[in-house]
Amino acid sequence: MKKQLIALCAFAFSIVAGPAAAADWSTVTGGLDFSGEITGVIAVVGVLAGFYVVRKGARLLLSMIK
């Protein structure tokens, strides 16, 4: 029951506060040329690396709470 409540709260927060607090990265990415294959590959690798870092951090945080 506790895990379901936590999951529900996290989902509700992401729905309500996620889009409102979204960062505007247009100034950072405005100068990049996304037409090349290398840029696309680097972007995918960056997204995957970010996902795994966040996942590892979340597991570490949840293990500290538990």
PDB file of N, CA and C in Angstrom:
ATOM      1  N   MET A   1       0.826  -1.194   0.000  1.00  0.00           N
ATOM      2  CA  MET A   1       0.000   0.000   0.000  1.00  0.00           C
ATOM      3  C   MET A   1       0.870   1.257   0.000  1.00  0.00           C
ATOM      4  N   LYS A   2       1.981   1.216   0.773  1.00  0.00           N
ATOM      5  CA  LYS A   2       2.849   2.378   0.866  1.00  0.00           C
ATOM      6  C   LYS A   2       3.510   2.681  -0.480  1.00  0.00           C
ATOM      7  N   LYS A   3       3.940   1.644  -1.192  1.00  0.00           N
ATOM      8  CA  LYS A   3       4.574   1.847  -2.497  1.00  0.00           C
ATOM      9  C   LYS A   3       3.585   2.412  -3.505  1.00  0.00           C
ATOM     10  N   GLN A   4       2.349   1.958  -3.433  1.00  0.00           N
ATOM     11  CA  GLN A   4       1.333   2.468  -4.341  1.00  0.00           C
ATOM     12  C   GLN A   4       1.043   3.941  -4.065  1.00  0.00           C
ATOM     13  N   LEU A   5       1.018   4.305  -2.787  1.00  0.00           N
ATOM     14  CA  LEU A   5       0.779   5.699  -2.417  1.00  0.00           C
ATOM     15  C   LEU A   5       1.924   6.581  -2.889  1.00  0.00           C
ATOM     16  N   ILE A   6       3.157   6.105  -2.732  1.00  0.00           N
ATOM     17  CA  ILE A   6       4.316   6.872  -3.187  1.00  0.00           C
ATOM     18  C   ILE A   6       4.286   7.021  -4.707  1.00  0.00           C
ATOM     19  N   ALA A   7       3.963   5.935  -5.400  1.00  0.00           N
ATOM     20  CA  ALA A   7       3.883   5.996  -6.859  1.00  0.00           C
ATOM     21  C   ALA A   7       2.788   6.963  -7.303  1.00  0.00           C
ATOM     22  N   LEU A   8       1.665   6.951  -6.633  1.00  0.00           N
ATOM     23  CA  LEU A   8       0.572   7.858  -6.969  1.00  0.00           C
ATOM     24  C   LEU A   8       0.968   9.309  -6.725  1.00  0.00           C
ATOM     25  N   CYS A   9       1.648   9.572  -5.620  1.00  0.00           N
ATOM     26  CA  CYS A   9       2.093  10.942  -5.331  1.00  0.00           C
ATOM     27  C   CYS A   9       3.120  11.415  -6.361  1.00  0.00           C
ATOM     28  N   ALA A  10       4.047  10.550  -6.735  1.00  0.00           N
ATOM     29  CA  ALA A  10       5.048  10.915  -7.732  1.00  0.00           C
ATOM     30  C   ALA A  10       4.388  11.184  -9.081  1.00  0.00           C
ATOM     31  N   PHE A  11       3.429  10.360  -9.443  1.00  0.00           N
ATOM     32  CA  PHE A  11       2.709  10.559 -10.703  1.00  0.00           C
ATOM     33  C   PHE A  11       1.940  11.878 -10.680  1.00  0.00           C
ATOM     34  N   ALA A  12       1.260  12.152  -9.573  1.00  0.00           N
ATOM     35  CA  ALA A  12       0.486  13.392  -9.473  1.00  0.00           C
ATOM     36  C   ALA A  12       1.408  14.606  -9.540  1.00  0.00           C
ATOM     37  N   PHE A  13       2.569  14.522  -8.894  1.00  0.00           N
ATOM     38  CA  PHE A  13       3.518  15.636  -8.938  1.00  0.00           C
ATOM     39  C   PHE A  13       4.036  15.860 -10.349  1.00  0.00           C
ATOM     40  N   SER A  14       4.325  14.781 -11.047  1.00  0.00           N
ATOM     41  CA  SER A  14       4.862  14.933 -12.407  1.00  0.00           C
ATOM     42  C   SER A  14       3.811  15.496 -13.356  1.00  0.00           C
ATOM     43  N   ILE A  15       2.557  15.183 -13.122  1.00  0.00           N
ATOM     44  CA  ILE A  15       1.484  15.714 -13.971  1.00  0.00           C
ATOM     45  C   ILE A  15       1.238  17.191 -13.666  1.00  0.00           C
ATOM     46  N   VAL A  16       1.200  17.546 -12.383  1.00  0.00           N
ATOM     47  CA  VAL A  16       0.851  18.911 -11.996  1.00  0.00           C
ATOM     48  C   VAL A  16       2.039  19.854 -12.116  1.00  0.00           C
ATOM     49  N   ALA A  17       3.184  19.497 -11.546  1.00  0.00           N
ATOM     50  CA  ALA A  17       4.310  20.426 -11.469  1.00  0.00           C
ATOM     51  C   ALA A  17       5.316  20.243 -12.593  1.00  0.00           C
ATOM     52  N   GLY A  18       5.289  19.139 -13.278  1.00  0.00           N
ATOM     53  CA  GLY A  18       6.274  18.887 -14.320  1.00  0.00           C
ATOM     54  C   GLY A  18       6.262  19.901 -15.437  1.00  0.00           C
ATOM     55  N   PRO A  19       5.148  20.052 -16.144  1.00  0.00           N
ATOM     56  CA  PRO A  19       5.130  21.013 -17.249  1.00  0.00           C
ATOM     57  C   PRO A  19       5.293  22.467 -16.792  1.00  0.00           C
ATOM     58  N   ALA A  20       4.825  22.788 -15.592  1.00  0.00           N
ATOM     59  CA  ALA A  20       4.910  24.157 -15.109  1.00  0.00           C
ATOM     60  C   ALA A  20       6.355  24.548 -14.802  1.00  0.00           C
ATOM     61  N   ALA A  21       7.170  23.580 -14.379  1.00  0.00           N
ATOM     62  CA  ALA A  21       8.545  23.876 -13.985  1.00  0.00           C
ATOM     63  C   ALA A  21       9.543  23.471 -15.064  1.00  0.00           C
ATOM     64  N   ALA A  22       9.085  23.261 -16.275  1.00  0.00           N
ATOM     65  CA  ALA A  22       9.986  22.819 -17.341  1.00  0.00           C
ATOM     66  C   ALA A  22      10.957  23.948 -17.706  1.00  0.00           C
ATOM     67  N   ALA A  23      12.218  23.558 -17.922  1.00  0.00           N
ATOM     68  CA  ALA A  23      13.248  24.540 -18.263  1.00  0.00           C
ATOM     69  C   ALA A  23      13.217  24.844 -19.758  1.00  0.00           C
ATOM     70  N   ASP A  24      13.603  26.039 -20.099  1.00  0.00           N
ATOM     71  CA  ASP A  24      13.700  26.448 -21.499  1.00  0.00           C
ATOM     72  C   ASP A  24      15.158  26.341 -21.935  1.00  0.00           C
ATOM     73  N   TRP A  25      15.461  25.330 -22.750  1.00  0.00           N
ATOM     74  CA  TRP A  25      16.830  25.068 -23.185  1.00  0.00           C
ATOM     75  C   TRP A  25      17.109  25.635 -24.569  1.00  0.00           C
ATOM     76  N   SER A  26      16.236  26.471 -25.095  1.00  0.00           N
ATOM     77  CA  SER A  26      16.418  26.965 -26.458  1.00  0.00           C
ATOM     78  C   SER A  26      17.673  27.819 -26.603  1.00  0.00           C
ATOM     79  N   THR A  27      18.059  28.535 -25.555  1.00  0.00           N
ATOM     80  CA  THR A  27      19.275  29.345 -25.654  1.00  0.00           C
ATOM     81  C   THR A  27      20.527  28.470 -25.668  1.00  0.00           C
ATOM     82  N   VAL A  28      20.481  27.332 -25.002  1.00  0.00           N
ATOM     83  CA  VAL A  28      21.634  26.429 -24.962  1.00  0.00           C
ATOM     84  C   VAL A  28      21.750  25.651 -26.267  1.00  0.00           C
ATOM     85  N   THR A  29      20.640  25.165 -26.776  1.00  0.00           N
ATOM     86  CA  THR A  29      20.666  24.313 -27.960  1.00  0.00           C
ATOM     87  C   THR A  29      20.494  25.088 -29.259  1.00  0.00           C
ATOM     88  N   GLY A  30      20.308  26.379 -29.191  1.00  0.00           N
ATOM     89  CA  GLY A  30      20.075  27.173 -30.394  1.00  0.00           C
ATOM     90  C   GLY A  30      21.245  27.178 -31.367  1.00  0.00           C
ATOM     91  N   GLY A  31      22.461  27.113 -30.845  1.00  0.00           N
ATOM     92  CA  GLY A  31      23.631  27.174 -31.709  1.00  0.00           C
ATOM     93  C   GLY A  31      24.080  25.829 -32.245  1.00  0.00           C
ATOM     94  N   LEU A  32      23.437  24.741 -31.872  1.00  0.00           N
ATOM     95  CA  LEU A  32      23.846  23.409 -32.319  1.00  0.00           C
ATOM     96  C   LEU A  32      23.160  23.038 -33.624  1.00  0.00           C
ATOM     97  N   ASP A  33      23.891  22.330 -34.446  1.00  0.00           N
ATOM     98  CA  ASP A  33      23.342  21.839 -35.710  1.00  0.00           C
ATOM     99  C   ASP A  33      22.961  20.368 -35.530  1.00  0.00           C
ATOM    100  N   PHE A  34      21.677  20.074 -35.551  1.00  0.00           N
ATOM    101  CA  PHE A  34      21.191  18.715 -35.309  1.00  0.00           C
ATOM    102  C   PHE A  34      20.975  17.932 -36.609  1.00  0.00           C
ATOM    103  N   SER A  35      21.598  18.347 -37.681  1.00  0.00           N
ATOM    104  CA  SER A  35      21.356  17.676 -38.952  1.00  0.00           C
ATOM    105  C   SER A  35      22.267  16.472 -39.174  1.00  0.00           C
ATOM    106  N   GLY A  36      23.364  16.356 -38.444  1.00  0.00           N
ATOM    107  CA  GLY A  36      24.308  15.264 -38.670  1.00  0.00           C
ATOM    108  C   GLY A  36      23.979  14.011 -37.887  1.00  0.00           C
ATOM    109  N   GLU A  37      24.492  12.884 -38.376  1.00  0.00           N
ATOM    110  CA  GLU A  37      24.244  11.617 -37.694  1.00  0.00           C
ATOM    111  C   GLU A  37      24.984  11.550 -36.359  1.00  0.00           C
ATOM    112  N   ILE A  38      26.185  12.112 -36.326  1.00  0.00           N
ATOM    113  CA  ILE A  38      26.979  12.073 -35.102  1.00  0.00           C
ATOM    114  C   ILE A  38      26.265  12.820 -33.981  1.00  0.00           C
ATOM    115  N   THR A  39      25.677  13.942 -34.317  1.00  0.00           N
ATOM    116  CA  THR A  39      24.945  14.707 -33.313  1.00  0.00           C
ATOM    117  C   THR A  39      23.768  13.916 -32.780  1.00  0.00           C
ATOM    118  N   GLY A  40      23.077  13.206 -33.660  1.00  0.00           N
ATOM    119  CA  GLY A  40      21.955  12.370 -33.225  1.00  0.00           C
ATOM    120  C   GLY A  40      22.399  11.244 -32.324  1.00  0.00           C
ATOM    121  N   VAL A  41      23.508  10.620 -32.672  1.00  0.00           N
ATOM    122  CA  VAL A  41      24.035   9.526 -31.845  1.00  0.00           C
ATOM    123  C   VAL A  41      24.459  10.053 -30.480  1.00  0.00           C
ATOM    124  N   ILE A  42      25.141  11.180 -30.465  1.00  0.00           N
ATOM    125  CA  ILE A  42      25.568  11.767 -29.194  1.00  0.00           C
ATOM    126  C   ILE A  42      24.356  12.166 -28.353  1.00  0.00           C
ATOM    127  N   ALA A  43      23.311  12.663 -28.998  1.00  0.00           N
ATOM    128  CA  ALA A  43      22.105  13.034 -28.263  1.00  0.00           C
ATOM    129  C   ALA A  43      21.453  11.809 -27.625  1.00  0.00           C
ATOM    130  N   VAL A  44      21.378  10.713 -28.360  1.00  0.00           N
ATOM    131  CA  VAL A  44      20.784   9.488 -27.817  1.00  0.00           C
ATOM    132  C   VAL A  44      21.633   8.956 -26.668  1.00  0.00           C
ATOM    133  N   VAL A  45      22.946   8.955 -26.836  1.00  0.00           N
ATOM    134  CA  VAL A  45      23.835   8.491 -25.768  1.00  0.00           C
ATOM    135  C   VAL A  45      23.696   9.383 -24.536  1.00  0.00           C
ATOM    136  N   GLY A  46      23.571  10.677 -24.747  1.00  0.00           N
ATOM    137  CA  GLY A  46      23.390  11.598 -23.630  1.00  0.00           C
ATOM    138  C   GLY A  46      22.090  11.364 -22.881  1.00  0.00           C
ATOM    139  N   VAL A  47      21.028  11.112 -23.627  1.00  0.00           N
ATOM    140  CA  VAL A  47      19.732  10.833 -22.986  1.00  0.00           C
ATOM    141  C   VAL A  47      19.805   9.532 -22.188  1.00  0.00           C
ATOM    142  N   LEU A  48      20.410   8.504 -22.775  1.00  0.00           N
ATOM    143  CA  LEU A  48      20.536   7.233 -22.064  1.00  0.00           C
ATOM    144  C   LEU A  48      21.421   7.364 -20.823  1.00  0.00           C
ATOM    145  N   ALA A  49      22.518   8.095 -20.943  1.00  0.00           N
ATOM    146  CA  ALA A  49      23.397   8.301 -19.789  1.00  0.00           C
ATOM    147  C   ALA A  49      22.657   9.061 -18.693  1.00  0.00           C
ATOM    148  N   GLY A  50      21.910  10.080 -19.074  1.00  0.00           N
ATOM    149  CA  GLY A  50      21.126  10.822 -18.091  1.00  0.00           C
ATOM    150  C   GLY A  50      20.088   9.954 -17.418  1.00  0.00           C
ATOM    151  N   PHE A  51      19.452   9.094 -18.193  1.00  0.00           N
ATOM    152  CA  PHE A  51      18.454   8.186 -17.633  1.00  0.00           C
ATOM    153  C   PHE A  51      19.083   7.253 -16.593  1.00  0.00           C
ATOM    154  N   TYR A  52      20.237   6.695 -16.926  1.00  0.00           N
ATOM    155  CA  TYR A  52      20.881   5.769 -15.995  1.00  0.00           C
ATOM    156  C   TYR A  52      21.412   6.475 -14.752  1.00  0.00           C
ATOM    157  N   VAL A  53      21.874   7.709 -14.882  1.00  0.00           N
ATOM    158  CA  VAL A  53      22.326   8.461 -13.712  1.00  0.00           C
ATOM    159  C   VAL A  53      21.149   8.752 -12.789  1.00  0.00           C
ATOM    160  N   VAL A  54      20.035   9.171 -13.365  1.00  0.00           N
ATOM    161  CA  VAL A  54      18.845   9.455 -12.558  1.00  0.00           C
ATOM    162  C   VAL A  54      18.334   8.174 -11.906  1.00  0.00           C
ATOM    163  N   ARG A  55      18.348   7.083 -12.647  1.00  0.00           N
ATOM    164  CA  ARG A  55      17.886   5.805 -12.103  1.00  0.00           C
ATOM    165  C   ARG A  55      18.765   5.354 -10.937  1.00  0.00           C
ATOM    166  N   LYS A  56      20.084   5.471 -11.100  1.00  0.00           N
ATOM    167  CA  LYS A  56      21.012   5.080 -10.039  1.00  0.00           C
ATOM    168  C   LYS A  56      20.818   5.970  -8.822  1.00  0.00           C
ATOM    169  N   GLY A  57      20.660   7.265  -9.032  1.00  0.00           N
ATOM    170  CA  GLY A  57      20.433   8.181  -7.925  1.00  0.00           C
ATOM    171  C   GLY A  57      19.121   7.911  -7.206  1.00  0.00           C
ATOM    172  N   ALA A  58      18.087   7.586  -7.968  1.00  0.00           N
ATOM    173  CA  ALA A  58      16.798   7.289  -7.353  1.00  0.00           C
ATOM    174  C   ALA A  58      16.875   6.019  -6.519  1.00  0.00           C
ATOM    175  N   ARG A  59      17.575   5.008  -7.043  1.00  0.00           N
ATOM    176  CA  ARG A  59      17.739   3.772  -6.268  1.00  0.00           C
ATOM    177  C   ARG A  59      18.523   4.036  -4.988  1.00  0.00           C
ATOM    178  N   LEU A  60      19.565   4.850  -5.080  1.00  0.00           N
ATOM    179  CA  LEU A  60      20.358   5.177  -3.908  1.00  0.00           C
ATOM    180  C   LEU A  60      19.516   5.927  -2.886  1.00  0.00           C
ATOM    181  N   LEU A  61      18.750   6.888  -3.343  1.00  0.00           N
ATOM    182  CA  LEU A  61      17.889   7.658  -2.453  1.00  0.00           C
ATOM    183  C   LEU A  61      16.825   6.778  -1.809  1.00  0.00           C
ATOM    184  N   LEU A  62      16.205   5.918  -2.610  1.00  0.00           N
ATOM    185  CA  LEU A  62      15.175   5.040  -2.054  1.00  0.00           C
ATOM    186  C   LEU A  62      15.767   4.023  -1.087  1.00  0.00           C
ATOM    187  N   SER A  63      16.989   3.584  -1.330  1.00  0.00           N
ATOM    188  CA  SER A  63      17.614   2.645  -0.388  1.00  0.00           C
ATOM    189  C   SER A  63      17.947   3.349   0.928  1.00  0.00           C
ATOM    190  N   MET A  64      18.252   4.647   0.867  1.00  0.00           N
ATOM    191  CA  MET A  64      18.502   5.398   2.099  1.00  0.00           C
ATOM    192  C   MET A  64      17.219   5.590   2.900  1.00  0.00           C
ATOM    193  N   ILE A  65      16.120   5.789   2.193  1.00  0.00           N
ATOM    194  CA  ILE A  65      14.834   5.985   2.864  1.00  0.00           C
ATOM    195  C   ILE A  65      14.348   4.682   3.487  1.00  0.00           C
ATOM    196  N   LYS A  66      14.570   3.601   2.774  1.00  0.00           N
ATOM    197  CA  LYS A  66      14.114   2.292   3.235  1.00  0.00           C
ATOM    198  C   LYS A  66      14.897   1.874   4.410  1.00  0.00           C
TER     199      LYS A  66
END
